[in-house]
C-alpha atoms as a PDB file:
ATOM      1  CA  MET A   1     106.718 187.183  17.751  1.00  0.00           C
ATOM      2  CA  ASN A   2     109.552 189.799  16.420  1.00  0.00           C
ATOM      3  CA  TYR A   3     111.603 189.117  19.628  1.00  0.00           C
ATOM      4  CA  LEU A   4     111.904 185.123  19.194  1.00  0.00           C
ATOM      5  CA  ARG A   5     112.614 185.514  15.303  1.00  0.00           C
ATOM      6  CA  ILE A   6     115.536 188.168  15.425  1.00  0.00           C
ATOM      7  CA  THR A   7     116.713 185.769  18.243  1.00  0.00           C
ATOM      8  CA  LEU A   8     116.722 183.205  16.055  1.00  0.00           C
ATOM      9  CA  LEU A   9     118.485 185.630  13.892  1.00  0.00           C
ATOM     10  CA  LEU A  10     121.590 186.044  16.795  1.00  0.00           C
ATOM     11  CA  ILE A  11     122.214 182.392  17.390  1.00  0.00           C
ATOM     12  CA  PHE A  12     122.540 181.473  13.580  1.00  0.00           C
ATOM     13  CA  PHE A  13     125.267 184.045  13.512  1.00  0.00           C
ATOM     14  CA  SER A  14     126.946 184.252  16.556  1.00  0.00           C
ATOM     15  CA  ASN A  15     127.606 180.188  17.466  1.00  0.00           C
ATOM     16  CA  VAL A  16     129.234 180.215  13.556  1.00  0.00           C
ATOM     17  CA  ALA A  17     130.465 182.709  10.648  1.00  0.00           C
ATOM     18  CA  PHE A  18     128.991 181.637   7.526  1.00  0.00           C
ATOM     19  CA  THR A  19     129.222 183.582   3.808  1.00  0.00           C
ATOM     20  CA  ASN A  20     125.963 182.294   2.055  1.00  0.00           C
ATOM     21  CA  PRO A  21     122.728 183.607   2.581  1.00  0.00           C
ATOM     22  CA  ILE A  22     120.462 182.101   5.310  1.00  0.00           C
ATOM     23  CA  ASN A  23     117.592 180.196   3.640  1.00  0.00           C
ATOM     24  CA  ILE A  24     115.360 180.026   7.053  1.00  0.00           C
ATOM     25  CA  TYR A  25     111.262 180.920   5.559  1.00  0.00           C
ATOM     26  CA  GLN A  26     110.454 177.832   7.283  1.00  0.00           C
ATOM     27  CA  TYR A  27     111.652 178.796  10.421  1.00  0.00           C
ATOM     28  CA  GLU A  28     109.448 181.978  10.402  1.00  0.00           C
ATOM     29  CA  LYS A  29     106.064 180.298   9.839  1.00  0.00           C
ATOM     30  CA  ASN A  30     106.778 177.370  12.859  1.00  0.00           C
ATOM     31  CA  ILE A  31     108.120 180.254  14.688  1.00  0.00           C
ATOM     32  CA  ARG A  32     104.840 181.941  14.634  1.00  0.00           C
ATOM     33  CA  ASP A  33     103.045 177.767  15.100  1.00  0.00           C
ATOM     34  CA  ALA A  34     105.398 177.746  18.719  1.00  0.00           C
ATOM     35  CA  LYS A  35     104.195 181.257  20.149  1.00  0.00           C
ATOM     36  CA  ASP A  36     100.199 180.709  19.100  1.00  0.00           C
ATOM     37  CA  LEU A  37      98.783 179.021  22.542  1.00  0.00           C
ATOM     38  CA  LEU A  38      95.288 179.359  21.559  1.00  0.00           C
ATOM     39  CA  VAL A  39      93.790 177.516  25.062  1.00  0.00           C
ATOM     40  CA  ARG A  40      95.049 177.855  28.902  1.00  0.00           C
ATOM     41  CA  LYS A  41      92.783 175.428  30.870  1.00  0.00           C
ATOM     42  CA  LYS A  42      92.551 176.246  34.751  1.00  0.00           C
ATOM     43  CA  THR A  43      91.554 174.152  37.600  1.00  0.00           C
ATOM     44  CA  SER A  44      91.692 175.129  40.739  1.00  0.00           C
ATOM     45  CA  ASP A  45      95.041 173.152  41.174  1.00  0.00           C
ATOM     46  CA  ILE A  46      97.246 174.380  37.575  1.00  0.00           C
ATOM     47  CA  ARG A  47      96.986 176.479  34.624  1.00  0.00           C
ATOM     48  CA  LEU A  48      96.412 174.113  31.076  1.00  0.00           C
ATOM     49  CA  PHE A  49      98.912 176.017  28.035  1.00  0.00           C
ATOM     50  CA  TYR A  50      98.589 173.867  24.275  1.00  0.00           C
ATOM     51  CA  THR A  51      97.780 174.661  20.736  1.00  0.00           C
ATOM     52  CA  PRO A  52      94.010 172.693  20.113  1.00  0.00           C
ATOM     53  CA  THR A  53      95.127 172.338  16.567  1.00  0.00           C
ATOM     54  CA  ILE A  54      98.296 170.629  15.644  1.00  0.00           C
ATOM     55  CA  LYS A  55      99.215 168.690  12.087  1.00  0.00           C
ATOM     56  CA  ASN A  56     100.576 165.070  11.486  1.00  0.00           C
ATOM     57  CA  ALA A  57     103.621 164.781  11.874  1.00  0.00           C
ATOM     58  CA  GLN A  58     104.418 167.786  14.267  1.00  0.00           C
ATOM     59  CA  THR A  59     105.063 167.871  18.343  1.00  0.00           C
ATOM     60  CA  LEU A  60     102.576 169.610  20.174  1.00  0.00           C
ATOM     61  CA  LEU A  61     103.797 171.540  23.293  1.00  0.00           C
ATOM     62  CA  LEU A  62     101.931 171.196  26.574  1.00  0.00           C
ATOM     63  CA  GLU A  63     103.004 173.217  29.559  1.00  0.00           C
ATOM     64  CA  ILE A  64     101.501 173.206  33.372  1.00  0.00           C
ATOM     65  CA  TYR A  65     102.068 175.596  35.577  1.00  0.00           C
ATOM     66  CA  GLY A  66     101.334 174.371  39.433  1.00  0.00           C
ATOM     67  CA  LYS A  67     102.936 174.756  42.602  1.00  0.00           C
ATOM     68  CA  ARG A  68     103.516 171.641  44.966  1.00  0.00           C
ATOM     69  CA  ILE A  69     102.445 169.405  42.608  1.00  0.00           C
ATOM     70  CA  SER A  70     104.581 166.209  41.100  1.00  0.00           C
ATOM     71  CA  ASP A  71     105.132 163.408  39.467  1.00  0.00           C
ATOM     72  CA  VAL A  72     103.021 164.936  36.574  1.00  0.00           C
ATOM     73  CA  LYS A  73     102.483 162.902  33.159  1.00  0.00           C
ATOM     74  CA  LEU A  74     100.364 161.889  30.427  1.00  0.00           C
ATOM     75  CA  THR A  75      98.614 159.236  28.274  1.00  0.00           C
ATOM     76  CA  PHE A  76      97.905 160.074  24.072  1.00  0.00           C
ATOM     77  CA  LYS A  77      96.813 156.772  22.319  1.00  0.00           C
ATOM     78  CA  ASP A  78      99.674 154.385  23.303  1.00  0.00           C
ATOM     79  CA  LEU A  79     102.077 156.494  24.434  1.00  0.00           C
ATOM     80  CA  ASN A  80     102.651 157.382  28.052  1.00  0.00           C
ATOM     81  CA  LEU A  81     105.076 160.245  28.811  1.00  0.00           C
ATOM     82  CA  PRO A  82     106.223 162.333  31.463  1.00  0.00           C
ATOM     83  CA  PHE A  83     106.228 166.016  31.972  1.00  0.00           C
ATOM     84  CA  TYR A  84     109.462 167.665  32.426  1.00  0.00           C
ATOM     85  CA  LYS A  85     110.036 170.661  35.126  1.00  0.00           C
ATOM     86  CA  ASN A  86     110.961 173.811  32.794  1.00  0.00           C
ATOM     87  CA  PRO A  87     114.639 174.936  33.186  1.00  0.00           C
ATOM     88  CA  PHE A  88     114.010 178.531  32.447  1.00  0.00           C
ATOM     89  CA  ARG A  89     110.746 178.734  34.605  1.00  0.00           C
ATOM     90  CA  LYS A  90     109.507 178.615  37.917  1.00  0.00           C
ATOM     91  CA  ASN A  91     106.678 175.881  38.377  1.00  0.00           C
ATOM     92  CA  TYR A  92     106.411 174.769  34.791  1.00  0.00           C
ATOM     93  CA  PHE A  93     106.463 171.706  33.711  1.00  0.00           C
ATOM     94  CA  TYR A  94     106.324 171.003  29.951  1.00  0.00           C
ATOM     95  CA  ALA A  95     105.782 167.658  27.888  1.00  0.00           C
ATOM     96  CA  LEU A  96     106.870 166.800  24.250  1.00  0.00           C
ATOM     97  CA  VAL A  97     103.701 164.803  22.555  1.00  0.00           C
ATOM     98  CA  PRO A  98     104.973 163.638  19.235  1.00  0.00           C
ATOM     99  CA  ILE A  99     102.462 163.332  16.843  1.00  0.00           C
ATOM    100  CA  SER A 100     102.577 160.797  13.903  1.00  0.00           C
ATOM    101  CA  TYR A 101     102.950 161.328  10.264  1.00  0.00           C
ATOM    102  CA  TYR A 102      99.569 158.855   9.587  1.00  0.00           C
ATOM    103  CA  GLU A 103      97.963 159.690  12.800  1.00  0.00           C
ATOM    104  CA  LYS A 104      94.254 159.954  11.994  1.00  0.00           C
ATOM    105  CA  ILE A 105      92.784 162.580  11.273  1.00  0.00           C
ATOM    106  CA  GLY A 106      90.103 164.861  13.193  1.00  0.00           C
ATOM    107  CA  PRO A 107      89.698 164.959  17.578  1.00  0.00           C
ATOM    108  CA  GLN A 108      91.625 163.336  19.743  1.00  0.00           C
ATOM    109  CA  LYS A 109      92.250 163.740  23.451  1.00  0.00           C
ATOM    110  CA  VAL A 110      95.557 163.926  25.969  1.00  0.00           C
ATOM    111  CA  ILE A 111      94.688 162.551  29.199  1.00  0.00           C
ATOM    112  CA  ILE A 112      96.895 164.445  32.294  1.00  0.00           C
ATOM    113  CA  SER A 113      97.908 163.817  35.964  1.00  0.00           C
ATOM    114  CA  TYR A 114      99.763 164.712  38.514  1.00  0.00           C
ATOM    115  CA  VAL A 115      99.877 164.427  42.340  1.00  0.00           C
ATOM    116  CA  LYS A 116      98.982 167.231  45.007  1.00  0.00           C
ATOM    117  CA  ASN A 117      97.942 166.710  48.451  1.00  0.00           C
ATOM    118  CA  LYS A 118      99.159 162.748  48.022  1.00  0.00           C
ATOM    119  CA  LYS A 119      95.754 162.581  45.627  1.00  0.00           C
ATOM    120  CA  ARG A 120      96.396 161.443  42.659  1.00  0.00           C
ATOM    121  CA  GLU A 121      94.294 164.345  39.483  1.00  0.00           C
ATOM    122  CA  PHE A 122      92.900 164.371  36.432  1.00  0.00           C
ATOM    123  CA  THR A 123      92.296 166.956  33.428  1.00  0.00           C
ATOM    124  CA  SER A 124      92.332 166.581  29.958  1.00  0.00           C
ATOM    125  CA  ALA A 125      93.388 168.153  26.614  1.00  0.00           C
ATOM    126  CA  LYS A 126      91.086 168.290  23.358  1.00  0.00           C
ATOM    127  CA  LEU A 127      92.633 168.601  20.469  1.00  0.00           C
ATOM    128  CA  ARG A 128      92.064 167.891  16.300  1.00  0.00           C
ATOM    129  CA  ILE A 129      94.569 166.740  14.320  1.00  0.00           C
ATOM    130  CA  ARG A 130      94.871 168.275  11.019  1.00  0.00           C
ATOM    131  CA  ASP A 131      96.472 167.028   7.583  1.00  0.00           C
ATOM    132  CA  ALA A 132      99.603 168.672   6.890  1.00  0.00           C
ATOM    133  CA  LYS A 133      99.191 168.077   3.136  1.00  0.00           C
ATOM    134  CA  TYR A 134     102.255 166.688   2.442  1.00  0.00           C
ATOM    135  CA  LYS A 135     103.742 167.108  -1.476  1.00  0.00           C
ATOM    136  CA  SER A 136     104.917 164.280  -3.090  1.00  0.00           C
ATOM    137  CA  GLU A 137     108.378 163.228  -5.076  1.00  0.00           C
ATOM    138  CA  LYS A 138     109.580 161.160  -7.562  1.00  0.00           C
ATOM    139  CA  ILE A 139     113.035 159.945  -7.394  1.00  0.00           C
ATOM    140  CA  LYS A 140     115.577 157.626  -9.648  1.00  0.00           C
ATOM    141  CA  VAL A 141     117.363 155.365  -7.477  1.00  0.00           C
ATOM    142  CA  GLN A 142     119.693 151.933  -8.691  1.00  0.00           C
ATOM    143  CA  LYS A 143     117.002 149.305  -7.468  1.00  0.00           C
ATOM    144  CA  SER A 144     119.533 147.732  -5.870  1.00  0.00           C
ATOM    145  CA  LYS A 145     119.353 151.041  -3.135  1.00  0.00           C
ATOM    146  CA  VAL A 146     114.924 150.571  -2.993  1.00  0.00           C
ATOM    147  CA  ASN A 147     115.281 146.743  -3.321  1.00  0.00           C
ATOM    148  CA  PRO A 148     117.972 145.291  -1.634  1.00  0.00           C
ATOM    149  CA  LYS A 149     119.489 142.300  -1.637  1.00  0.00           C
ATOM    150  CA  ASN A 150     118.574 139.577   1.068  1.00  0.00           C
ATOM    151  CA  ASN A 151     122.375 140.428   2.902  1.00  0.00           C
ATOM    152  CA  ASP A 152     121.848 144.116   2.498  1.00  0.00           C
ATOM    153  CA  LYS A 153     117.877 143.857   4.478  1.00  0.00           C
ATOM    154  CA  ILE A 154     119.367 141.513   7.451  1.00  0.00           C
ATOM    155  CA  ARG A 155     121.824 144.548   7.736  1.00  0.00           C
ATOM    156  CA  THR A 156     118.476 147.183   7.604  1.00  0.00           C
ATOM    157  CA  GLN A 157     117.086 145.460   9.702  1.00  0.00           C
ATOM    158  CA  LYS A 158     119.626 145.271  12.500  1.00  0.00           C
ATOM    159  CA  GLU A 159     120.877 148.977  11.572  1.00  0.00           C
ATOM    160  CA  TYR A 160     116.852 149.504  11.797  1.00  0.00           C
ATOM    161  CA  LYS A 161     115.879 147.620  15.344  1.00  0.00           C
ATOM    162  CA  GLU A 162     119.683 149.630  16.537  1.00  0.00           C
ATOM    163  CA  ALA A 163     118.721 153.360  15.813  1.00  0.00           C
ATOM    164  CA  MET A 164     114.900 151.967  17.779  1.00  0.00           C
ATOM    165  CA  GLU A 165     116.139 151.554  20.894  1.00  0.00           C
ATOM    166  CA  ILE A 166     118.477 154.934  21.098  1.00  0.00           C
ATOM    167  CA  TYR A 167     115.191 156.968  20.092  1.00  0.00           C
ATOM    168  CA  ASN A 168     113.330 155.168  22.416  1.00  0.00           C
ATOM    169  CA  PHE A 169     115.217 155.745  25.466  1.00  0.00           C
ATOM    170  CA  ALA A 170     114.657 158.919  27.464  1.00  0.00           C
ATOM    171  CA  SER A 171     116.646 160.588  29.523  1.00  0.00           C
ATOM    172  CA  GLU A 172     115.509 162.203  33.069  1.00  0.00           C
ATOM    173  CA  LYS A 173     118.259 164.876  32.532  1.00  0.00           C
ATOM    174  CA  ILE A 174     118.282 168.181  30.014  1.00  0.00           C
ATOM    175  CA  LEU A 175     121.207 167.788  27.825  1.00  0.00           C
ATOM    176  CA  TRP A 176     121.019 170.495  25.261  1.00  0.00           C
ATOM    177  CA  ASN A 177     121.855 174.330  26.445  1.00  0.00           C
ATOM    178  CA  ARG A 178     119.104 177.135  25.725  1.00  0.00           C
ATOM    179  CA  ASP A 179     117.973 177.403  21.443  1.00  0.00           C
ATOM    180  CA  PHE A 180     119.250 174.338  18.937  1.00  0.00           C
ATOM    181  CA  ILE A 181     120.287 176.202  15.989  1.00  0.00           C
ATOM    182  CA  LEU A 182     120.473 174.796  12.456  1.00  0.00           C
ATOM    183  CA  PRO A 183     123.363 172.546  11.092  1.00  0.00           C
ATOM    184  CA  MET A 184     124.604 174.235   8.027  1.00  0.00           C
ATOM    185  CA  TYR A 185     123.350 177.270   6.366  1.00  0.00           C
ATOM    186  CA  SER A 186     121.823 176.618   2.596  1.00  0.00           C
ATOM    187  CA  LYS A 187     118.619 176.145   0.119  1.00  0.00           C
ATOM    188  CA  ILE A 188     116.578 173.710   1.567  1.00  0.00           C
ATOM    189  CA  THR A 189     116.415 171.149  -1.528  1.00  0.00           C
ATOM    190  CA  SER A 190     114.017 168.735   0.299  1.00  0.00           C
ATOM    191  CA  GLU A 191     110.919 169.399   2.611  1.00  0.00           C
ATOM    192  CA  PHE A 192     109.648 166.991   5.577  1.00  0.00           C
ATOM    193  CA  GLY A 193     107.088 164.966   4.719  1.00  0.00           C
ATOM    194  CA  THR A 194     107.337 164.413   0.855  1.00  0.00           C
ATOM    195  CA  LYS A 195     105.695 161.956  -0.266  1.00  0.00           C
ATOM    196  CA  ARG A 196     109.077 159.468  -1.668  1.00  0.00           C
ATOM    197  CA  VAL A 197     107.931 157.735  -5.027  1.00  0.00           C
ATOM    198  CA  TYR A 198     111.503 155.859  -5.778  1.00  0.00           C
ATOM    199  CA  ASN A 199     111.389 155.025  -9.593  1.00  0.00           C
ATOM    200  CA  ASN A 200     107.525 155.155  -9.789  1.00  0.00           C
ATOM    201  CA  THR A 201     106.425 153.019  -6.523  1.00  0.00           C
ATOM    202  CA  LEU A 202     105.489 154.526  -3.020  1.00  0.00           C
ATOM    203  CA  LYS A 203     107.953 153.793  -0.464  1.00  0.00           C
ATOM    204  CA  SER A 204     107.891 156.184   2.008  1.00  0.00           C
ATOM    205  CA  PHE A 205     107.957 159.864   2.922  1.00  0.00           C
ATOM    206  CA  HIS A 206     110.943 162.107   3.849  1.00  0.00           C
ATOM    207  CA  SER A 207     111.898 161.868   7.181  1.00  0.00           C
ATOM    208  CA  GLY A 208     113.687 165.112   7.257  1.00  0.00           C
ATOM    209  CA  ILE A 209     114.568 168.152   5.616  1.00  0.00           C
ATOM    210  CA  ASP A 210     117.672 168.146   2.884  1.00  0.00           C
ATOM    211  CA  PHE A 211     120.183 170.694   3.038  1.00  0.00           C
ATOM    212  CA  LYS A 212     122.346 171.913  -0.810  1.00  0.00           C
ATOM    213  CA  ALA A 213     125.808 171.147   0.281  1.00  0.00           C
ATOM    214  CA  GLU A 214     128.825 169.892  -1.676  1.00  0.00           C
ATOM    215  CA  VAL A 215     130.690 166.903  -0.485  1.00  0.00           C
ATOM    216  CA  GLY A 216     132.874 168.286   2.703  1.00  0.00           C
ATOM    217  CA  THR A 217     130.841 171.114   3.985  1.00  0.00           C
ATOM    218  CA  ASN A 218     131.338 171.777   7.899  1.00  0.00           C
ATOM    219  CA  ILE A 219     128.125 169.898  10.234  1.00  0.00           C
ATOM    220  CA  ILE A 220     127.760 171.683  13.233  1.00  0.00           C
ATOM    221  CA  ALA A 221     125.673 169.942  16.431  1.00  0.00           C
ATOM    222  CA  SER A 222     122.406 171.706  16.872  1.00  0.00           C
ATOM    223  CA  ASN A 223     122.737 171.354  20.033  1.00  0.00           C
ATOM    224  CA  SER A 224     124.830 170.193  23.425  1.00  0.00           C
ATOM    225  CA  GLY A 225     123.929 166.191  24.245  1.00  0.00           C
ATOM    226  CA  VAL A 226     125.938 162.698  23.823  1.00  0.00           C
ATOM    227  CA  VAL A 227     126.630 161.184  20.605  1.00  0.00           C
ATOM    228  CA  LYS A 228     124.439 157.878  20.683  1.00  0.00           C
ATOM    229  CA  LEU A 229     125.918 156.638  16.891  1.00  0.00           C
ATOM    230  CA  ALA A 230     128.332 157.453  14.726  1.00  0.00           C
ATOM    231  CA  LYS A 231     128.603 154.896  11.538  1.00  0.00           C
ATOM    232  CA  ASN A 232     127.926 153.814   8.374  1.00  0.00           C
ATOM    233  CA  ARG A 233     124.254 152.525   7.427  1.00  0.00           C
ATOM    234  CA  PHE A 234     123.124 150.618   4.330  1.00  0.00           C
ATOM    235  CA  TYR A 235     120.115 153.522   3.749  1.00  0.00           C
ATOM    236  CA  ALA A 236     121.716 157.350   5.214  1.00  0.00           C
ATOM    237  CA  GLY A 237     124.983 156.192   4.775  1.00  0.00           C
ATOM    238  CA  ASN A 238     127.793 158.071   7.465  1.00  0.00           C
ATOM    239  CA  SER A 239     125.066 158.953  10.315  1.00  0.00           C
ATOM    240  CA  ILE A 240     125.331 160.283  13.492  1.00  0.00           C
ATOM    241  CA  ILE A 241     122.711 160.500  15.812  1.00  0.00           C
ATOM    242  CA  ILE A 242     122.481 162.689  19.000  1.00  0.00           C
ATOM    243  CA  ASP A 243     120.577 161.821  22.177  1.00  0.00           C
ATOM    244  CA  HIS A 244     119.892 165.862  23.928  1.00  0.00           C
ATOM    245  CA  GLY A 245     117.900 164.148  26.307  1.00  0.00           C
ATOM    246  CA  GLN A 246     114.233 164.043  27.918  1.00  0.00           C
ATOM    247  CA  GLY A 247     113.427 161.761  24.467  1.00  0.00           C
ATOM    248  CA  VAL A 248     115.422 164.332  21.949  1.00  0.00           C
ATOM    249  CA  TYR A 249     117.415 163.398  18.802  1.00  0.00           C
ATOM    250  CA  THR A 250     118.806 165.169  15.954  1.00  0.00           C
ATOM    251  CA  CYS A 251     120.222 162.833  13.558  1.00  0.00           C
ATOM    252  CA  TYR A 252     122.773 163.617  10.575  1.00  0.00           C
ATOM    253  CA  PHE A 253     122.953 161.625   7.318  1.00  0.00           C
ATOM    254  CA  HIS A 254     125.526 161.427   4.660  1.00  0.00           C
ATOM    255  CA  LEU A 255     128.229 162.098   6.040  1.00  0.00           C
ATOM    256  CA  SER A 256     131.883 162.063   4.125  1.00  0.00           C
ATOM    257  CA  LYS A 257     133.736 162.049   7.411  1.00  0.00           C
ATOM    258  CA  PHE A 258     132.831 161.853  10.922  1.00  0.00           C
ATOM    259  CA  LEU A 259     135.248 164.178  13.749  1.00  0.00           C
ATOM    260  CA  VAL A 260     133.371 162.866  17.045  1.00  0.00           C
ATOM    261  CA  LYS A 261     132.852 158.773  17.871  1.00  0.00           C
ATOM    262  CA  GLU A 262     130.015 157.335  19.777  1.00  0.00           C
ATOM    263  CA  ASN A 263     129.434 158.452  23.543  1.00  0.00           C
ATOM    264  CA  ASP A 264     131.839 161.827  22.958  1.00  0.00           C
ATOM    265  CA  VAL A 265     129.550 164.896  24.371  1.00  0.00           C
ATOM    266  CA  VAL A 266     129.222 167.568  21.592  1.00  0.00           C
ATOM    267  CA  LYS A 267     128.707 171.280  22.671  1.00  0.00           C
ATOM    268  CA  LYS A 268     125.928 173.178  20.147  1.00  0.00           C
ATOM    269  CA  GLY A 269     128.163 174.361  17.443  1.00  0.00           C
ATOM    270  CA  GLN A 270     130.872 171.659  17.580  1.00  0.00           C
ATOM    271  CA  LEU A 271     131.583 170.492  14.324  1.00  0.00           C
ATOM    272  CA  ILE A 272     130.647 166.846  14.335  1.00  0.00           C
ATOM    273  CA  GLY A 273     131.270 165.520  10.536  1.00  0.00           C
ATOM    274  CA  LEU A 274     131.848 166.690   6.906  1.00  0.00           C
ATOM    275  CA  SER A 275     128.365 166.606   4.325  1.00  0.00           C
ATOM    276  CA  GLY A 276     129.093 164.063   1.848  1.00  0.00           C
ATOM    277  CA  ASP A 277     127.363 161.371  -0.738  1.00  0.00           C
ATOM    278  CA  THR A 278     127.430 158.305   0.953  1.00  0.00           C
ATOM    279  CA  GLY A 279     123.938 155.600   1.335  1.00  0.00           C
ATOM    280  CA  ARG A 280     121.032 155.832  -1.242  1.00  0.00           C
ATOM    281  CA  ILE A 281     121.318 159.366  -2.457  1.00  0.00           C
ATOM    282  CA  THR A 282     121.001 160.780  -5.813  1.00  0.00           C
ATOM    283  CA  GLY A 283     123.855 163.631  -5.010  1.00  0.00           C
ATOM    284  CA  PRO A 284     125.287 165.257  -2.112  1.00  0.00           C
ATOM    285  CA  HIS A 285     123.585 166.858   0.683  1.00  0.00           C
ATOM    286  CA  LEU A 286     123.248 166.973   4.788  1.00  0.00           C
ATOM    287  CA  HIS A 287     119.271 164.882   5.726  1.00  0.00           C
ATOM    288  CA  PHE A 288     118.795 166.672   9.032  1.00  0.00           C
ATOM    289  CA  ALA A 289     116.424 164.626  10.728  1.00  0.00           C
ATOM    290  CA  THR A 290     114.409 164.723  14.580  1.00  0.00           C
ATOM    291  CA  ARG A 291     112.962 162.331  16.343  1.00  0.00           C
ATOM    292  CA  VAL A 292     110.734 162.754  20.262  1.00  0.00           C
ATOM    293  CA  HIS A 293     109.975 160.193  22.113  1.00  0.00           C
ATOM    294  CA  GLY A 294     111.144 157.244  19.001  1.00  0.00           C
ATOM    295  CA  VAL A 295     108.963 159.390  16.265  1.00  0.00           C
ATOM    296  CA  LEU A 296     110.017 160.996  13.451  1.00  0.00           C
ATOM    297  CA  VAL A 297     108.401 164.931  13.879  1.00  0.00           C
ATOM    298  CA  GLU A 298     109.215 167.742  11.399  1.00  0.00           C
ATOM    299  CA  PRO A 299     112.648 169.222  12.244  1.00  0.00           C
ATOM    300  CA  GLU A 300     111.751 173.249  11.680  1.00  0.00           C
ATOM    301  CA  ASN A 301     108.504 172.886  14.172  1.00  0.00           C
ATOM    302  CA  LEU A 302     110.486 170.866  16.930  1.00  0.00           C
ATOM    303  CA  LEU A 303     113.345 173.460  17.284  1.00  0.00           C
ATOM    304  CA  SER A 304     111.270 176.001  17.413  1.00  0.00           C
ATOM    305  CA  LEU A 305     109.317 175.126  20.745  1.00  0.00           C
ATOM    306  CA  LEU A 306     112.333 173.449  21.958  1.00  0.00           C
ATOM    307  CA  ASN A 307     113.347 177.968  21.651  1.00  0.00           C
ATOM    308  CA  SER A 308     110.367 179.040  22.909  1.00  0.00           C
ATOM    309  CA  LEU A 309     110.629 177.463  26.260  1.00  0.00           C
ATOM    310  CA  LYS A 310     111.775 180.055  28.180  1.00  0.00           C
ATOM    311  CA  ASN A 311     110.301 182.888  26.374  1.00  0.00           C
ATOM    312  CA  ARG A 312     106.482 181.933  26.949  1.00  0.00           C
END
């Protein structure tokens, strides 16, 4: 645990120089979560590693060790997902299973299959989904932003469809380069998962984490990838979405300026934009969100899991 924490700190400082203190208290908790592989299930062909207890809106990491196996995949409810080869460890495969914010609390099961000697074999992983007990907060915004006019509704529906088409695509190729980093380092003003009550009406939950940022603050790419979207949107304002491969996406909202364009290939730590106050917003900040196979998940948990792949 100490090794991974120190590694993250070194990564933070080695990519970008900052004068303000780094607020990573949430990371420390999630680093511990990432190392808690409590179940090691064995069959004659494979060894399966995973954490059997997980909270809603977190990501389940499953790892399989097996020689001469292929076409490893899983089914979780209505999700059919592939396992990918772990680029850091020979004969290891991994899969990321996004647990929905609205997932039912209680026992669940993941069905896993693989091919060995031309025969498909099956095993399973038993889970228990726990309630993360996210907080609630009240927000005052212009009524036109909460209840948009017809033209704006058409726009938001189009933007949502466009974004989901991006998020639901998962390339076979891994595009990220080892450890993920934060897009900026400052105080976190709003945590992921908080229930959002706009003008006394429950509308949604907070889909990312908000970093305190004055207009014009540098925003960097959390890891290498391809810019799939860089445009202004009704709710999120100036938005950037980066595809990191294999169903992993990071999102950067409310920017004041774009420094990349769609289809640009970016490197980890590259300057991609400046923070701002565009879109539905009460003040300038950076909204940072993550998705796995189209599902919104807790950013700190996901990044710590991805960073742990080479250290297990």
